[in-house]
Amino acid sequence: MTRHVWVLSLCQALLMSGNILLISIVGLVGQQLAPNASMITFPVGLQFVGLMLATVPASMIMAKTGRKVGFSIGNLVGICGAALTSLGVYQNSFIVFCAGCLLLGIGIGFATLYRFAAMEVCEPEARERALSISMAGGVLAALLGPNLALWSKGLIVGHDFLGAFLAIIALNIVSMIILQSVKFKSIHSTLADEKPDRLSDIIKAPNFLLAVVAATVSYAVMNILMTATPLAMIGCGFDFSKAAGVIEWHVLGMFVPAFFTGRLIEKFGNTKMIVAGGLLFIVCIAINIHGVSIWHFTMALVLLGVGWNFMFISATSLFSQTYLTKNRAKAQACNEFIVFSSVALTAMLSGWLEATIGWQALNLYVLPFVIAVILGIIFASKRNVERTA
């Protein structure tokens, strides 16, 4: 495994830390600034709208200028977004805060491509492990993000969460500096200069849509439950430190398995690992429905994180095998747009759903989507076996 994979993992970890920090506090900032309860998670939704809007341009920009320039642009946009959210908190302006979250989302939209970049700087036989290691940087994020949220709370007198957004600025700056040491492959290879196929032809490739749907459901279900959890916990009488602690355990569940998920994929295959992730989602939902103690919230969120890790990394690995190099930018742009469009939608709905239908009903709402993916993967796997028999 090359040094560059680990450096990319560190860059992604720093940006993930900022994202986790944002998730830990944005609902609470929303409670302070939003005009009504239904708008509490609207800034989170705008963050993911920005992410969604960035997916296609980010892929196309990197296809033209290279990964290093593209990621640096994302850092600069993230810095501007964090500065704007800081201004919104300082002025108690919900509109300004929302605008900053939108820009932060655009910056994160560029950063989602780190996992593909990691696979591109390593040997072909190590792609799954490189993908897994790039995601393993989230372990640092799991520790750094929530603790930064706690440490920065009240750092600026009279503005509890202002320090958190200043920390996000620092994380983007450090990540951009470290990124400059990475050597990426030339973007002017013979294959890369070939004219890409039409998107309508690209998506017809075997397993393309299957991988995209699995990744979409894994991220959407994880996001809606994770975003609603701090609100549900505070509604049940827990304080901010308890909610931040549960999020920390959740993020550890998301990324600690990444140290060995790549090898599990090599041993068992992508489809079996996607099913395993779906089954963990179901257990998580069952625990959430069963009760609302600190044990229930913690165990459910850990399982949610591990389930997401298995399903999302496996789906990404499967997806990376479905397109030619010349189609890379189009294929990745399509995947990121679909995945994070659903994430944006769930982020915007999570606060409203938790406030209107309740925490346990919200868990029941997402269950059919998980079951549908499991059944779809099993059916597709059997059909592929029959075709090759």
Protein backbone atom coordinates (compact mmCIF):
# COMPACT_ATOMS: atom_id res chain seq x y z
CA MET A 1 0.00 0.00 0.00
CA THR A 2 1.53 3.33 -1.06
CA ARG A 3 2.16 6.22 1.30
CA HIS A 4 -0.19 8.33 -0.78
CA VAL A 5 -3.20 6.19 0.23
CA TRP A 6 -2.49 6.90 3.90
CA VAL A 7 -2.00 10.62 3.25
CA LEU A 8 -5.32 10.76 1.40
CA SER A 9 -6.89 8.92 4.31
CA LEU A 10 -5.56 11.58 6.70
CA CYS A 11 -6.86 14.41 4.49
CA GLN A 12 -10.27 12.80 4.37
CA ALA A 13 -10.20 12.19 8.12
CA LEU A 14 -9.65 15.89 8.83
CA LEU A 15 -12.56 16.85 6.60
CA MET A 16 -14.74 14.12 8.11
CA SER A 17 -13.91 15.53 11.55
CA GLY A 18 -15.32 18.87 10.46
CA ASN A 19 -18.40 17.17 9.04
CA ILE A 20 -19.00 15.16 12.21
CA LEU A 21 -18.48 18.29 14.29
CA LEU A 22 -21.09 20.01 12.12
CA ILE A 23 -23.56 17.13 12.47
CA SER A 24 -23.07 17.13 16.25
CA ILE A 25 -24.10 20.76 16.63
CA VAL A 26 -26.08 21.85 13.58
CA GLY A 27 -29.41 20.59 14.94
CA LEU A 28 -28.80 22.43 18.19
CA VAL A 29 -27.83 25.62 16.36
CA GLY A 30 -30.99 25.13 14.30
CA GLN A 31 -33.03 24.98 17.50
CA GLN A 32 -31.59 28.36 18.51
CA LEU A 33 -31.97 30.10 15.15
CA ALA A 34 -34.81 28.38 13.26
CA PRO A 35 -38.16 30.21 13.12
CA ASN A 36 -40.08 26.96 13.90
CA ALA A 37 -39.51 23.31 14.83
CA SER A 38 -39.94 21.99 11.29
CA MET A 39 -36.93 24.05 10.15
CA ILE A 40 -34.49 22.76 12.78
CA THR A 41 -32.64 20.37 10.43
CA PHE A 42 -33.13 22.53 7.33
CA PRO A 43 -29.47 23.71 7.51
CA VAL A 44 -28.37 20.05 7.51
CA GLY A 45 -30.54 19.52 4.45
CA LEU A 46 -28.95 22.51 2.73
CA GLN A 47 -25.53 21.09 3.52
CA PHE A 48 -26.45 17.96 1.62
CA VAL A 49 -28.12 19.96 -1.16
CA GLY A 50 -24.78 21.71 -1.60
CA LEU A 51 -23.05 18.33 -1.58
CA MET A 52 -25.49 17.08 -4.21
CA LEU A 53 -24.99 20.16 -6.40
CA ALA A 54 -21.21 19.74 -6.23
CA THR A 55 -21.06 16.08 -7.24
CA VAL A 56 -21.22 16.48 -11.01
CA PRO A 57 -19.06 19.66 -11.26
CA ALA A 58 -16.47 18.18 -8.87
CA SER A 59 -16.02 15.06 -11.00
CA MET A 60 -15.81 17.09 -14.22
CA ILE A 61 -13.38 19.63 -12.75
CA MET A 62 -11.10 16.85 -11.54
CA ALA A 63 -11.28 15.17 -14.95
CA LYS A 64 -9.91 18.41 -16.46
CA THR A 65 -7.53 19.70 -13.78
CA GLY A 66 -6.66 16.61 -11.73
CA ARG A 67 -7.49 15.46 -8.22
CA LYS A 68 -5.13 17.82 -6.36
CA VAL A 69 -6.57 21.01 -7.84
CA GLY A 70 -10.12 19.71 -7.41
CA PHE A 71 -9.70 18.81 -3.75
CA SER A 72 -8.00 22.16 -3.07
CA ILE A 73 -10.97 23.97 -4.60
CA GLY A 74 -13.22 21.99 -2.27
CA ASN A 75 -11.12 23.08 0.72
CA LEU A 76 -11.38 26.74 -0.26
CA VAL A 77 -15.16 26.51 -0.64
CA GLY A 78 -15.36 24.78 2.75
CA ILE A 79 -13.36 27.57 4.36
CA CYS A 80 -15.74 30.17 2.89
CA GLY A 81 -18.72 28.16 4.12
CA ALA A 82 -17.38 27.85 7.65
CA ALA A 83 -16.67 31.59 7.72
CA LEU A 84 -20.25 32.31 6.65
CA THR A 85 -21.77 29.95 9.24
CA SER A 86 -19.61 31.67 11.88
CA LEU A 87 -21.08 34.99 10.81
CA GLY A 88 -24.59 33.55 10.98
CA VAL A 89 -24.06 32.30 14.53
CA TYR A 90 -22.48 35.60 15.59
CA GLN A 91 -25.36 37.63 14.12
CA ASN A 92 -28.06 35.11 15.16
CA SER A 93 -29.10 34.99 11.50
CA PHE A 94 -30.75 31.76 10.36
CA ILE A 95 -30.54 32.79 6.68
CA VAL A 96 -26.79 33.51 6.81
CA PHE A 97 -26.21 30.29 8.75
CA CYS A 98 -28.11 28.31 6.10
CA ALA A 99 -26.08 29.91 3.31
CA GLY A 100 -22.88 28.86 5.07
CA CYS A 101 -24.13 25.29 5.42
CA LEU A 102 -24.85 25.21 1.69
CA LEU A 103 -21.24 26.19 0.93
CA LEU A 104 -19.92 23.68 3.46
CA GLY A 105 -21.90 21.03 1.62
CA ILE A 106 -20.35 22.02 -1.70
CA GLY A 107 -16.90 21.66 -0.14
CA ILE A 108 -17.81 18.23 1.21
CA GLY A 109 -19.08 17.29 -2.27
CA PHE A 110 -15.52 17.55 -3.57
CA ALA A 111 -14.20 15.53 -0.62
CA THR A 112 -16.50 12.55 -1.28
CA LEU A 113 -14.22 11.64 -4.20
CA TYR A 114 -11.27 10.86 -1.91
CA ARG A 115 -12.28 7.20 -1.80
CA PHE A 116 -12.01 6.92 -5.59
CA ALA A 117 -8.70 8.81 -5.58
CA ALA A 118 -7.27 6.28 -3.10
CA MET A 119 -8.07 3.43 -5.48
CA GLU A 120 -6.36 5.29 -8.32
CA VAL A 121 -2.98 5.81 -6.60
CA CYS A 122 -2.43 2.16 -5.63
CA GLU A 123 -1.81 -1.11 -7.41
CA PRO A 124 -4.89 -2.68 -9.09
CA GLU A 125 -4.78 -5.75 -6.82
CA ALA A 126 -4.97 -3.56 -3.71
CA ARG A 127 -7.98 -1.44 -4.70
CA GLU A 128 -10.38 -2.85 -2.10
CA ARG A 129 -7.85 -2.39 0.69
CA ALA A 130 -7.02 1.14 -0.50
CA LEU A 131 -10.72 2.00 -0.50
CA SER A 132 -11.07 0.56 2.98
CA ILE A 133 -8.00 2.42 4.31
CA SER A 134 -9.23 5.70 2.85
CA MET A 135 -12.42 5.27 4.87
CA ALA A 136 -10.50 4.13 7.97
CA GLY A 137 -9.35 7.70 8.46
CA GLY A 138 -12.80 8.20 9.90
CA VAL A 139 -11.54 6.65 13.14
CA LEU A 140 -9.57 9.83 13.76
CA ALA A 141 -12.67 11.80 12.78
CA ALA A 142 -14.76 9.80 15.25
CA LEU A 143 -12.50 10.86 18.07
CA LEU A 144 -11.68 14.37 16.91
CA GLY A 145 -15.09 15.56 15.65
CA PRO A 146 -17.31 15.12 18.74
CA ASN A 147 -14.50 16.17 21.09
CA LEU A 148 -13.94 19.32 19.07
CA ALA A 149 -17.67 19.96 19.41
CA LEU A 150 -17.42 19.69 23.19
CA TRP A 151 -14.14 21.61 23.47
CA SER A 152 -15.26 24.47 21.24
CA LYS A 153 -18.68 24.87 22.91
CA GLY A 154 -18.56 28.15 24.77
CA LEU A 155 -15.07 28.95 23.49
CA ILE A 156 -16.36 32.32 22.30
CA VAL A 157 -18.21 34.00 25.16
CA GLY A 158 -21.87 34.59 24.35
CA HIS A 159 -21.83 32.32 21.28
CA ASP A 160 -21.78 28.66 22.32
CA PHE A 161 -21.11 27.16 18.88
CA LEU A 162 -19.08 29.84 17.12
CA GLY A 163 -15.77 28.19 18.04
CA ALA A 164 -16.84 24.98 16.27
CA PHE A 165 -17.05 26.69 12.90
CA LEU A 166 -13.66 28.33 13.41
CA ALA A 167 -12.31 24.81 14.03
CA ILE A 168 -13.78 23.68 10.68
CA ILE A 169 -11.82 26.47 8.97
CA ALA A 170 -8.60 25.20 10.59
CA LEU A 171 -9.32 21.59 9.58
CA ASN A 172 -9.79 22.59 5.92
CA ILE A 173 -6.54 24.58 5.91
CA VAL A 174 -4.50 21.71 7.41
CA SER A 175 -6.05 19.18 5.01
CA MET A 176 -5.23 21.36 1.99
CA ILE A 177 -1.61 21.73 3.09
CA ILE A 178 -1.14 17.97 3.61
CA LEU A 179 -2.78 17.20 0.25
CA GLN A 180 0.01 18.96 -1.64
CA SER A 181 2.44 16.11 -0.82
CA VAL A 182 0.39 13.51 -2.74
CA LYS A 183 1.45 12.45 -6.24
CA PHE A 184 -1.53 11.62 -8.43
CA LYS A 185 -1.36 9.84 -11.78
CA SER A 186 -1.37 12.03 -14.87
CA ILE A 187 -4.83 12.96 -16.13
CA HIS A 188 -3.58 12.87 -19.73
CA SER A 189 -3.32 9.13 -20.20
CA THR A 190 -4.41 7.63 -23.52
CA LEU A 191 -7.57 6.11 -22.07
CA ALA A 192 -8.52 9.27 -20.23
CA ASP A 193 -8.33 11.24 -23.52
CA GLU A 194 -10.77 8.90 -25.27
CA LYS A 195 -14.29 10.18 -25.76
CA PRO A 196 -16.51 8.81 -22.96
CA ASP A 197 -19.64 6.83 -23.73
CA ARG A 198 -23.12 8.23 -23.29
CA LEU A 199 -24.44 8.05 -19.73
CA SER A 200 -27.40 6.00 -20.94
CA ASP A 201 -24.94 3.35 -22.10
CA ILE A 202 -22.73 3.57 -19.00
CA ILE A 203 -25.59 2.81 -16.60
CA LYS A 204 -26.50 -0.32 -18.57
CA ALA A 205 -23.30 -2.02 -17.43
CA PRO A 206 -23.87 -5.12 -15.26
CA ASN A 207 -24.27 -4.27 -11.55
CA PHE A 208 -24.01 -0.49 -12.15
CA LEU A 209 -27.51 0.40 -10.94
CA LEU A 210 -27.43 -2.34 -8.29
CA ALA A 211 -24.29 -0.82 -6.74
CA VAL A 212 -25.68 2.72 -6.93
CA VAL A 213 -28.97 1.73 -5.25
CA ALA A 214 -27.16 -0.17 -2.46
CA ALA A 215 -24.87 2.79 -1.78
CA THR A 216 -27.82 5.19 -1.86
CA VAL A 217 -29.96 3.27 0.61
CA SER A 218 -27.02 2.63 2.96
CA TYR A 219 -26.14 6.31 3.15
CA ALA A 220 -29.73 7.60 3.27
CA VAL A 221 -30.82 5.26 6.07
CA MET A 222 -27.67 5.90 8.07
CA ASN A 223 -28.01 9.65 7.62
CA ILE A 224 -31.67 9.98 8.59
CA LEU A 225 -31.22 7.95 11.78
CA MET A 226 -27.91 9.56 12.73
CA THR A 227 -29.19 13.11 12.18
CA ALA A 228 -32.37 12.49 14.17
CA THR A 229 -30.63 10.72 17.07
CA PRO A 230 -29.35 13.83 18.95
CA LEU A 231 -32.82 15.40 18.69
CA ALA A 232 -34.48 12.19 19.92
CA MET A 233 -32.03 11.90 22.82
CA ILE A 234 -32.53 15.48 23.97
CA GLY A 235 -36.28 14.91 23.67
CA CYS A 236 -35.86 11.94 26.02
CA GLY A 237 -34.07 14.08 28.61
CA PHE A 238 -30.40 13.42 27.78
CA ASP A 239 -27.99 16.37 27.64
CA PHE A 240 -25.68 17.48 24.82
CA SER A 241 -22.62 15.61 26.16
CA LYS A 242 -24.53 12.30 26.14
CA ALA A 243 -25.73 12.89 22.57
CA ALA A 244 -22.18 13.78 21.44
CA GLY A 245 -20.89 10.60 23.11
CA VAL A 246 -23.39 8.43 21.23
CA ILE A 247 -22.43 10.09 17.94
CA GLU A 248 -18.78 9.38 18.75
CA TRP A 249 -19.52 5.67 19.24
CA HIS A 250 -21.57 5.69 16.04
CA VAL A 251 -18.75 7.16 13.99
CA LEU A 252 -16.30 4.64 15.48
CA GLY A 253 -18.72 1.96 14.29
CA MET A 254 -18.69 3.56 10.85
CA PHE A 255 -14.93 3.57 10.42
CA VAL A 256 -13.09 1.14 12.73
CA PRO A 257 -14.24 -1.85 10.62
CA ALA A 258 -12.66 -0.16 7.58
CA PHE A 259 -9.28 -1.53 8.72
CA PHE A 260 -10.47 -5.01 7.73
CA THR A 261 -13.54 -4.48 5.50
CA GLY A 262 -11.34 -4.60 2.40
CA ARG A 263 -10.06 -8.06 3.29
CA LEU A 264 -13.59 -9.24 4.13
CA ILE A 265 -14.70 -8.11 0.68
CA GLU A 266 -11.80 -10.01 -0.89
CA LYS A 267 -12.81 -13.14 1.04
CA PHE A 268 -16.61 -13.08 0.85
CA GLY A 269 -17.35 -10.81 -2.10
CA ASN A 270 -19.20 -7.53 -2.41
CA THR A 271 -22.76 -8.88 -2.52
CA LYS A 272 -22.48 -10.91 0.69
CA MET A 273 -20.99 -7.93 2.51
CA ILE A 274 -23.82 -5.69 1.31
CA VAL A 275 -26.34 -8.18 2.69
CA ALA A 276 -24.41 -8.35 5.99
CA GLY A 277 -24.61 -4.57 6.27
CA GLY A 278 -28.34 -4.64 5.61
CA LEU A 279 -28.91 -7.22 8.33
CA LEU A 280 -27.03 -5.02 10.82
CA PHE A 281 -29.32 -2.13 9.84
CA ILE A 282 -32.32 -4.29 10.69
CA VAL A 283 -30.92 -5.15 14.13
CA CYS A 284 -30.24 -1.44 14.72
CA ILE A 285 -33.83 -0.55 13.86
CA ALA A 286 -35.14 -3.30 16.14
CA ILE A 287 -33.13 -1.92 19.08
CA ASN A 288 -34.35 1.63 18.43
CA ILE A 289 -37.95 0.43 18.41
CA HIS A 290 -37.41 -1.57 21.60
CA GLY A 291 -36.45 1.32 23.89
CA VAL A 292 -34.92 4.77 24.43
CA SER A 293 -32.33 4.22 27.16
CA ILE A 294 -28.72 5.32 26.71
CA TRP A 295 -27.88 1.66 26.05
CA HIS A 296 -30.46 1.47 23.25
CA PHE A 297 -29.21 4.63 21.57
CA THR A 298 -25.55 3.62 21.84
CA MET A 299 -25.86 0.01 20.67
CA ALA A 300 -28.21 0.91 17.82
CA LEU A 301 -25.94 3.68 16.56
CA VAL A 302 -22.83 1.45 16.71
CA LEU A 303 -24.62 -1.21 14.64
CA LEU A 304 -25.88 1.47 12.27
CA GLY A 305 -22.29 2.58 11.75
CA VAL A 306 -20.93 -0.93 11.12
CA GLY A 307 -23.84 -1.73 8.80
CA TRP A 308 -23.16 1.41 6.81
CA ASN A 309 -19.45 0.55 6.60
CA PHE A 310 -20.10 -2.92 5.20
CA MET A 311 -22.83 -1.85 2.79
CA PHE A 312 -21.38 1.44 1.53
CA ILE A 313 -17.77 0.31 1.06
CA SER A 314 -18.88 -2.93 -0.62
CA ALA A 315 -21.27 -1.05 -2.89
CA THR A 316 -18.50 1.42 -3.81
CA SER A 317 -16.11 -1.43 -4.56
CA LEU A 318 -18.74 -3.13 -6.73
CA PHE A 319 -19.48 0.16 -8.48
CA SER A 320 -15.79 0.81 -9.28
CA GLN A 321 -15.75 -2.40 -11.33
CA THR A 322 -18.63 -1.37 -13.60
CA TYR A 323 -17.08 1.36 -15.79
CA LEU A 324 -14.10 1.93 -18.09
CA THR A 325 -11.39 4.49 -17.31
CA LYS A 326 -12.63 6.81 -20.05
CA ASN A 327 -16.07 6.83 -18.39
CA ARG A 328 -14.76 7.43 -14.87
CA ALA A 329 -15.81 11.07 -14.50
CA LYS A 330 -19.33 10.53 -15.83
CA ALA A 331 -19.90 7.34 -13.87
CA GLN A 332 -18.64 8.78 -10.58
CA ALA A 333 -20.61 11.98 -11.08
CA CYS A 334 -23.79 9.97 -11.66
CA ASN A 335 -23.20 7.82 -8.58
CA GLU A 336 -22.38 10.75 -6.29
CA PHE A 337 -25.35 12.78 -7.52
CA ILE A 338 -27.84 9.97 -6.89
CA VAL A 339 -26.37 8.95 -3.53
CA PHE A 340 -26.16 12.43 -2.09
CA SER A 341 -29.45 13.62 -3.52
CA SER A 342 -31.08 11.01 -1.32
CA VAL A 343 -28.88 12.03 1.59
CA ALA A 344 -29.95 15.65 1.15
CA LEU A 345 -33.60 14.64 1.12
CA THR A 346 -33.31 12.51 4.25
CA ALA A 347 -31.37 15.22 6.08
CA MET A 348 -34.09 17.76 5.35
CA LEU A 349 -36.85 15.36 6.38
CA SER A 350 -35.24 13.87 9.50
CA GLY A 351 -36.01 16.73 11.90
CA TRP A 352 -39.56 17.13 10.61
CA LEU A 353 -40.25 13.38 10.78
CA GLU A 354 -38.78 13.03 14.27
CA ALA A 355 -40.88 15.99 15.45
CA THR A 356 -44.13 14.86 13.80
CA ILE A 357 -44.25 11.05 13.78
CA GLY A 358 -41.77 10.29 16.57
CA TRP A 359 -38.45 8.51 16.85
CA GLN A 360 -39.65 4.91 16.80
CA ALA A 361 -42.04 5.43 13.87
CA LEU A 362 -39.19 7.02 11.94
CA ASN A 363 -37.24 3.78 12.30
CA LEU A 364 -40.15 1.80 10.90
CA TYR A 365 -40.34 4.11 7.88
CA VAL A 366 -36.81 3.25 6.72
CA LEU A 367 -37.06 -0.51 7.29
CA PRO A 368 -38.71 -1.40 3.92
CA PHE A 369 -35.87 0.25 1.99
CA VAL A 370 -33.28 -1.89 3.75
CA ILE A 371 -35.27 -5.07 3.14
CA ALA A 372 -35.70 -4.15 -0.54
CA VAL A 373 -31.93 -3.82 -1.02
CA ILE A 374 -31.23 -7.15 0.68
CA LEU A 375 -33.80 -8.93 -1.49
CA GLY A 376 -32.57 -7.16 -4.63
CA ILE A 377 -28.95 -8.16 -3.98
CA ILE A 378 -29.90 -11.79 -3.29
CA PHE A 379 -32.04 -11.96 -6.43
CA ALA A 380 -29.35 -10.36 -8.62
CA SER A 381 -26.67 -12.66 -7.19
CA LYS A 382 -28.74 -15.77 -7.98
CA ARG A 383 -29.46 -14.47 -11.49
CA ASN A 384 -25.74 -13.89 -12.13
CA VAL A 385 -24.95 -17.43 -10.98
CA GLU A 386 -27.59 -18.84 -13.35
CA ARG A 387 -26.17 -16.84 -16.27
CA THR A 388 -22.65 -18.13 -15.68
CA ALA A 389 -23.76 -21.73 -15.09
